[in-house]
Amino acid sequence: MADIASGSFSSIVKSTEGLLAQVGVYQLESDAQFQSFYRLQELENVVIESIGSGSYHFMVTTADTGNVYAWGVNEYQQLGYSTNGAYESTVPQQVVTDDFEPLVGAVQVTGGNDFSVARMNDGTLYSWGLKLRLGRPDNTGNSDNWDHPRPVLKANGQALDTITDIACGAFHSLALDSNG
């Protein structure tokens, strides 16, 4: 195996050929479960660059354009796309921006319990999901979760643009910049 990522009850692995498989126990709202190792056929023709997970969701970036695909629980819009009222998506789909264009340029993805973070090839960060965990408060008074990726900003309103690595715990995220 070339890479692994783990959620609360299941894991995803990437082979040296870039193929993905998922293993573990995953309880969906529909009471469907899997408890075995199976290949993610929906992404079989996609060359995967990196993989990441939140507590109950998974994400991958593509090697060619840095598109992000996500699947799993979407209670707080941590998948970065609408599941039309459904609690989860078992099929990987592209994460899209507010303009419904694919998020491109991602080189690393990770997540927490109910949010997701992507590091872009230019050193910037995008996050989406439960708003309380996204790196900066929304001063508009809007309490909605972010259902699409938005830039993570410094306290002065400028974008973080020198990030070299990211990590998440269940309820927090960390970013390492080029200065260490």
C-alpha atoms as a PDB file:
ATOM      1  CA  MET A   1       0.000   0.000   0.000  1.00  0.00           C
ATOM      2  CA  ALA A   2       1.161   3.504  -0.769  1.00  0.00           C
ATOM      3  CA  ASP A   3      -1.041   5.553   1.585  1.00  0.00           C
ATOM      4  CA  ILE A   4      -3.657   5.101   4.293  1.00  0.00           C
ATOM      5  CA  ALA A   5      -6.208   7.316   6.055  1.00  0.00           C
ATOM      6  CA  SER A   6      -8.488   6.388   8.904  1.00  0.00           C
ATOM      7  CA  GLY A   7     -11.858   7.612  10.108  1.00  0.00           C
ATOM      8  CA  SER A   8     -13.639   6.602  13.302  1.00  0.00           C
ATOM      9  CA  PHE A   9     -14.766   3.152  12.151  1.00  0.00           C
ATOM     10  CA  SER A  10     -13.280   2.604   8.709  1.00  0.00           C
ATOM     11  CA  SER A  11     -10.178   3.300   6.674  1.00  0.00           C
ATOM     12  CA  ILE A  12      -9.197   3.960   3.087  1.00  0.00           C
ATOM     13  CA  VAL A  13      -6.040   2.696   1.425  1.00  0.00           C
ATOM     14  CA  LYS A  14      -4.305   3.637  -1.816  1.00  0.00           C
ATOM     15  CA  SER A  15      -2.239   1.084  -3.694  1.00  0.00           C
ATOM     16  CA  THR A  16       1.048   1.900  -5.412  1.00  0.00           C
ATOM     17  CA  GLU A  17      -0.962   1.861  -8.669  1.00  0.00           C
ATOM     18  CA  GLY A  18      -3.274   4.569  -7.309  1.00  0.00           C
ATOM     19  CA  LEU A  19      -6.281   2.291  -6.786  1.00  0.00           C
ATOM     20  CA  LEU A  20      -8.487   2.823  -3.749  1.00  0.00           C
ATOM     21  CA  ALA A  21     -10.120   0.389  -1.377  1.00  0.00           C
ATOM     22  CA  GLN A  22     -12.127   0.886   1.788  1.00  0.00           C
ATOM     23  CA  VAL A  23     -12.185  -1.369   4.828  1.00  0.00           C
ATOM     24  CA  GLY A  24     -13.960  -1.282   8.163  1.00  0.00           C
ATOM     25  CA  VAL A  25     -17.376  -1.020   9.696  1.00  0.00           C
ATOM     26  CA  TYR A  26     -19.455   1.905   8.538  1.00  0.00           C
ATOM     27  CA  GLN A  27     -23.036   2.318   9.748  1.00  0.00           C
ATOM     28  CA  LEU A  28     -25.172   4.368   7.402  1.00  0.00           C
ATOM     29  CA  GLU A  29     -28.472   5.971   8.346  1.00  0.00           C
ATOM     30  CA  SER A  30     -30.122   3.414   6.069  1.00  0.00           C
ATOM     31  CA  ASP A  31     -28.691   0.624   8.298  1.00  0.00           C
ATOM     32  CA  ALA A  32     -26.505  -0.594   5.458  1.00  0.00           C
ATOM     33  CA  GLN A  33     -23.096  -1.772   6.644  1.00  0.00           C
ATOM     34  CA  PHE A  34     -19.872  -2.980   5.189  1.00  0.00           C
ATOM     35  CA  GLN A  35     -17.355  -4.959   7.166  1.00  0.00           C
ATOM     36  CA  SER A  36     -14.958  -6.041   4.493  1.00  0.00           C
ATOM     37  CA  PHE A  37     -12.315  -4.799   2.119  1.00  0.00           C
ATOM     38  CA  TYR A  38     -13.704  -3.623  -1.193  1.00  0.00           C
ATOM     39  CA  ARG A  39     -12.465  -1.572  -4.113  1.00  0.00           C
ATOM     40  CA  LEU A  40     -14.026   1.807  -4.868  1.00  0.00           C
ATOM     41  CA  GLN A  41     -15.052   1.193  -8.461  1.00  0.00           C
ATOM     42  CA  GLU A  42     -16.370   4.747  -8.957  1.00  0.00           C
ATOM     43  CA  LEU A  43     -12.782   6.066  -8.846  1.00  0.00           C
ATOM     44  CA  GLU A  44     -11.074   3.154 -10.592  1.00  0.00           C
ATOM     45  CA  ASN A  45     -10.247   5.224 -13.707  1.00  0.00           C
ATOM     46  CA  VAL A  46      -9.047   8.249 -11.710  1.00  0.00           C
ATOM     47  CA  VAL A  47      -5.370   8.608 -10.774  1.00  0.00           C
ATOM     48  CA  ILE A  48      -5.340   9.504  -7.078  1.00  0.00           C
ATOM     49  CA  GLU A  49      -2.677  11.833  -5.661  1.00  0.00           C
ATOM     50  CA  SER A  50      -3.599  11.941  -1.970  1.00  0.00           C
ATOM     51  CA  ILE A  51      -6.225  10.553   0.378  1.00  0.00           C
ATOM     52  CA  GLY A  52      -7.695  11.850   3.614  1.00  0.00           C
ATOM     53  CA  SER A  53     -10.508  11.264   6.033  1.00  0.00           C
ATOM     54  CA  GLY A  54     -12.692  12.841   8.619  1.00  0.00           C
ATOM     55  CA  SER A  55     -14.430  10.905  11.356  1.00  0.00           C
ATOM     56  CA  TYR A  56     -17.180   9.607   9.065  1.00  0.00           C
ATOM     57  CA  HIS A  57     -16.178  10.747   5.584  1.00  0.00           C
ATOM     58  CA  PHE A  58     -13.366  10.301   3.069  1.00  0.00           C
ATOM     59  CA  MET A  59     -11.727  12.516   0.446  1.00  0.00           C
ATOM     60  CA  VAL A  60      -9.177  12.116  -2.339  1.00  0.00           C
ATOM     61  CA  THR A  61      -7.345  14.476  -4.680  1.00  0.00           C
ATOM     62  CA  THR A  62      -6.663  13.657  -8.324  1.00  0.00           C
ATOM     63  CA  ALA A  63      -3.125  13.654  -9.706  1.00  0.00           C
ATOM     64  CA  ASP A  64      -3.944  15.553 -12.901  1.00  0.00           C
ATOM     65  CA  THR A  65      -5.931  18.624 -11.796  1.00  0.00           C
ATOM     66  CA  GLY A  66      -6.162  18.374  -8.020  1.00  0.00           C
ATOM     67  CA  ASN A  67      -9.919  17.814  -8.064  1.00  0.00           C
ATOM     68  CA  VAL A  68     -11.359  16.641  -4.747  1.00  0.00           C
ATOM     69  CA  TYR A  69     -13.836  13.775  -4.429  1.00  0.00           C
ATOM     70  CA  ALA A  70     -15.664  13.044  -1.160  1.00  0.00           C
ATOM     71  CA  TRP A  71     -18.149  10.529   0.250  1.00  0.00           C
ATOM     72  CA  GLY A  72     -19.566   9.450   3.597  1.00  0.00           C
ATOM     73  CA  VAL A  73     -21.702  11.275   6.162  1.00  0.00           C
ATOM     74  CA  ASN A  74     -22.773  14.786   5.134  1.00  0.00           C
ATOM     75  CA  GLU A  75     -24.729  15.985   8.173  1.00  0.00           C
ATOM     76  CA  TYR A  76     -22.882  19.330   8.270  1.00  0.00           C
ATOM     77  CA  GLN A  77     -22.022  19.574   4.543  1.00  0.00           C
ATOM     78  CA  GLN A  78     -18.530  18.215   5.170  1.00  0.00           C
ATOM     79  CA  LEU A  79     -18.624  16.543   1.732  1.00  0.00           C
ATOM     80  CA  GLY A  80     -18.556  19.901  -0.055  1.00  0.00           C
ATOM     81  CA  TYR A  81     -21.615  19.212  -2.195  1.00  0.00           C
ATOM     82  CA  SER A  82     -25.334  18.771  -1.697  1.00  0.00           C
ATOM     83  CA  THR A  83     -26.709  15.312  -1.038  1.00  0.00           C
ATOM     84  CA  ASN A  84     -30.237  16.656  -1.613  1.00  0.00           C
ATOM     85  CA  GLY A  85     -31.328  16.150   1.979  1.00  0.00           C
ATOM     86  CA  ALA A  86     -29.764  12.707   2.350  1.00  0.00           C
ATOM     87  CA  TYR A  87     -27.664  12.103   5.435  1.00  0.00           C
ATOM     88  CA  GLU A  88     -24.807  10.477   3.512  1.00  0.00           C
ATOM     89  CA  SER A  89     -23.412   9.613   0.114  1.00  0.00           C
ATOM     90  CA  THR A  90     -21.789   6.248  -0.509  1.00  0.00           C
ATOM     91  CA  VAL A  91     -20.670   7.283  -4.002  1.00  0.00           C
ATOM     92  CA  PRO A  92     -17.638   9.602  -4.353  1.00  0.00           C
ATOM     93  CA  GLN A  93     -18.571  12.906  -5.994  1.00  0.00           C
ATOM     94  CA  GLN A  94     -16.593  16.039  -6.843  1.00  0.00           C
ATOM     95  CA  VAL A  95     -16.377  18.819  -4.271  1.00  0.00           C
ATOM     96  CA  VAL A  96     -17.590  22.046  -5.870  1.00  0.00           C
ATOM     97  CA  THR A  97     -17.209  25.770  -5.181  1.00  0.00           C
ATOM     98  CA  ASP A  98     -20.042  28.233  -4.570  1.00  0.00           C
ATOM     99  CA  ASP A  99     -20.205  28.635  -8.372  1.00  0.00           C
ATOM    100  CA  PHE A 100     -20.716  24.851  -8.677  1.00  0.00           C
ATOM    101  CA  GLU A 101     -17.354  24.514 -10.421  1.00  0.00           C
ATOM    102  CA  PRO A 102     -15.040  21.678  -9.312  1.00  0.00           C
ATOM    103  CA  LEU A 103     -12.495  22.625  -6.664  1.00  0.00           C
ATOM    104  CA  VAL A 104      -9.137  22.304  -8.453  1.00  0.00           C
ATOM    105  CA  GLY A 105      -5.509  22.542  -7.352  1.00  0.00           C
ATOM    106  CA  ALA A 106      -5.772  20.534  -4.123  1.00  0.00           C
ATOM    107  CA  VAL A 107      -2.686  18.566  -3.095  1.00  0.00           C
ATOM    108  CA  GLN A 108      -3.755  17.398   0.379  1.00  0.00           C
ATOM    109  CA  VAL A 109      -7.092  16.757   2.123  1.00  0.00           C
ATOM    110  CA  THR A 110      -8.062  15.902   5.668  1.00  0.00           C
ATOM    111  CA  GLY A 111     -11.014  16.342   7.948  1.00  0.00           C
ATOM    112  CA  GLY A 112     -12.397  16.246  11.445  1.00  0.00           C
ATOM    113  CA  ASN A 113     -15.648  15.018  12.878  1.00  0.00           C
ATOM    114  CA  ASP A 114     -17.851  17.299  10.779  1.00  0.00           C
ATOM    115  CA  PHE A 115     -15.621  19.453   8.558  1.00  0.00           C
ATOM    116  CA  SER A 116     -13.024  19.154   5.789  1.00  0.00           C
ATOM    117  CA  VAL A 117      -9.834  21.023   4.859  1.00  0.00           C
ATOM    118  CA  ALA A 118      -7.874  21.092   1.584  1.00  0.00           C
ATOM    119  CA  ARG A 119      -4.354  22.439   1.032  1.00  0.00           C
ATOM    120  CA  MET A 120      -3.941  23.897  -2.423  1.00  0.00           C
ATOM    121  CA  ASN A 121      -0.891  23.847  -4.695  1.00  0.00           C
ATOM    122  CA  ASP A 122      -0.372  27.593  -4.076  1.00  0.00           C
ATOM    123  CA  GLY A 123      -0.154  27.155  -0.277  1.00  0.00           C
ATOM    124  CA  THR A 124      -3.678  28.372   0.466  1.00  0.00           C
ATOM    125  CA  LEU A 125      -6.303  26.488   2.476  1.00  0.00           C
ATOM    126  CA  TYR A 126      -9.978  25.863   1.871  1.00  0.00           C
ATOM    127  CA  SER A 127     -12.430  24.482   4.415  1.00  0.00           C
ATOM    128  CA  TRP A 128     -16.087  23.488   4.523  1.00  0.00           C
ATOM    129  CA  GLY A 129     -18.588  21.797   6.834  1.00  0.00           C
ATOM    130  CA  LEU A 130     -19.584  22.761  10.378  1.00  0.00           C
ATOM    131  CA  LYS A 131     -18.922  26.478  10.526  1.00  0.00           C
ATOM    132  CA  LEU A 132     -17.688  26.532  14.125  1.00  0.00           C
ATOM    133  CA  ARG A 133     -14.653  24.459  13.123  1.00  0.00           C
ATOM    134  CA  LEU A 134     -13.524  26.248   9.975  1.00  0.00           C
ATOM    135  CA  GLY A 135     -10.730  28.484  11.132  1.00  0.00           C
ATOM    136  CA  ARG A 136     -12.483  31.796  11.390  1.00  0.00           C
ATOM    137  CA  PRO A 137     -15.860  33.088  12.555  1.00  0.00           C
ATOM    138  CA  ASP A 138     -18.384  34.536  10.146  1.00  0.00           C
ATOM    139  CA  ASN A 139     -19.098  38.054  11.373  1.00  0.00           C
ATOM    140  CA  THR A 140     -22.300  38.325   9.338  1.00  0.00           C
ATOM    141  CA  GLY A 141     -24.352  36.542  11.995  1.00  0.00           C
ATOM    142  CA  ASN A 142     -25.119  33.761   9.515  1.00  0.00           C
ATOM    143  CA  SER A 143     -25.077  30.443  11.345  1.00  0.00           C
ATOM    144  CA  ASP A 144     -25.324  28.194   8.276  1.00  0.00           C
ATOM    145  CA  ASN A 145     -22.672  25.573   7.683  1.00  0.00           C
ATOM    146  CA  TRP A 146     -20.421  25.995   4.680  1.00  0.00           C
ATOM    147  CA  ASP A 147     -21.605  23.533   2.061  1.00  0.00           C
ATOM    148  CA  HIS A 148     -18.845  24.525  -0.371  1.00  0.00           C
ATOM    149  CA  PRO A 149     -15.120  25.207   0.121  1.00  0.00           C
ATOM    150  CA  ARG A 150     -14.131  28.708   1.192  1.00  0.00           C
ATOM    151  CA  PRO A 151     -10.653  30.171   1.763  1.00  0.00           C
ATOM    152  CA  VAL A 152      -9.312  30.054   5.311  1.00  0.00           C
ATOM    153  CA  LEU A 153      -8.289  33.588   6.249  1.00  0.00           C
ATOM    154  CA  LYS A 154      -5.990  35.136   8.819  1.00  0.00           C
ATOM    155  CA  ALA A 155      -7.481  37.412  11.481  1.00  0.00           C
ATOM    156  CA  ASN A 156      -6.633  40.397   9.229  1.00  0.00           C
ATOM    157  CA  GLY A 157      -8.763  38.962   6.409  1.00  0.00           C
ATOM    158  CA  GLN A 158      -5.854  37.889   4.196  1.00  0.00           C
ATOM    159  CA  ALA A 159      -5.609  34.344   2.897  1.00  0.00           C
ATOM    160  CA  LEU A 160      -3.135  31.890   4.375  1.00  0.00           C
ATOM    161  CA  ASP A 161      -0.735  31.333   1.476  1.00  0.00           C
ATOM    162  CA  THR A 162       2.411  29.617   2.772  1.00  0.00           C
ATOM    163  CA  ILE A 163       0.939  26.382   4.142  1.00  0.00           C
ATOM    164  CA  THR A 164       3.015  23.207   3.632  1.00  0.00           C
ATOM    165  CA  ASP A 165       1.059  20.633   5.672  1.00  0.00           C
ATOM    166  CA  ILE A 166      -2.312  20.201   7.390  1.00  0.00           C
ATOM    167  CA  ALA A 167      -3.787  17.887  10.005  1.00  0.00           C
ATOM    168  CA  CYS A 168      -7.114  17.619  11.801  1.00  0.00           C
ATOM    169  CA  GLY A 169      -8.390  16.201  15.036  1.00  0.00           C
ATOM    170  CA  ALA A 170     -12.069  15.566  15.623  1.00  0.00           C
ATOM    171  CA  PHE A 171     -12.787  19.197  16.512  1.00  0.00           C
ATOM    172  CA  HIS A 172      -9.762  21.222  15.384  1.00  0.00           C
ATOM    173  CA  SER A 173      -7.356  21.697  12.503  1.00  0.00           C
ATOM    174  CA  LEU A 174      -3.672  22.609  12.284  1.00  0.00           C
ATOM    175  CA  ALA A 175      -1.638  24.136   9.490  1.00  0.00           C
ATOM    176  CA  LEU A 176       2.141  24.275   9.170  1.00  0.00           C
ATOM    177  CA  ASP A 177       3.541  27.182   7.169  1.00  0.00           C
ATOM    178  CA  SER A 178       6.820  27.442   5.276  1.00  0.00           C
ATOM    179  CA  ASN A 179       8.449  29.143   8.284  1.00  0.00           C
ATOM    180  CA  GLY A 180       7.809  26.066  10.443  1.00  0.00           C
END
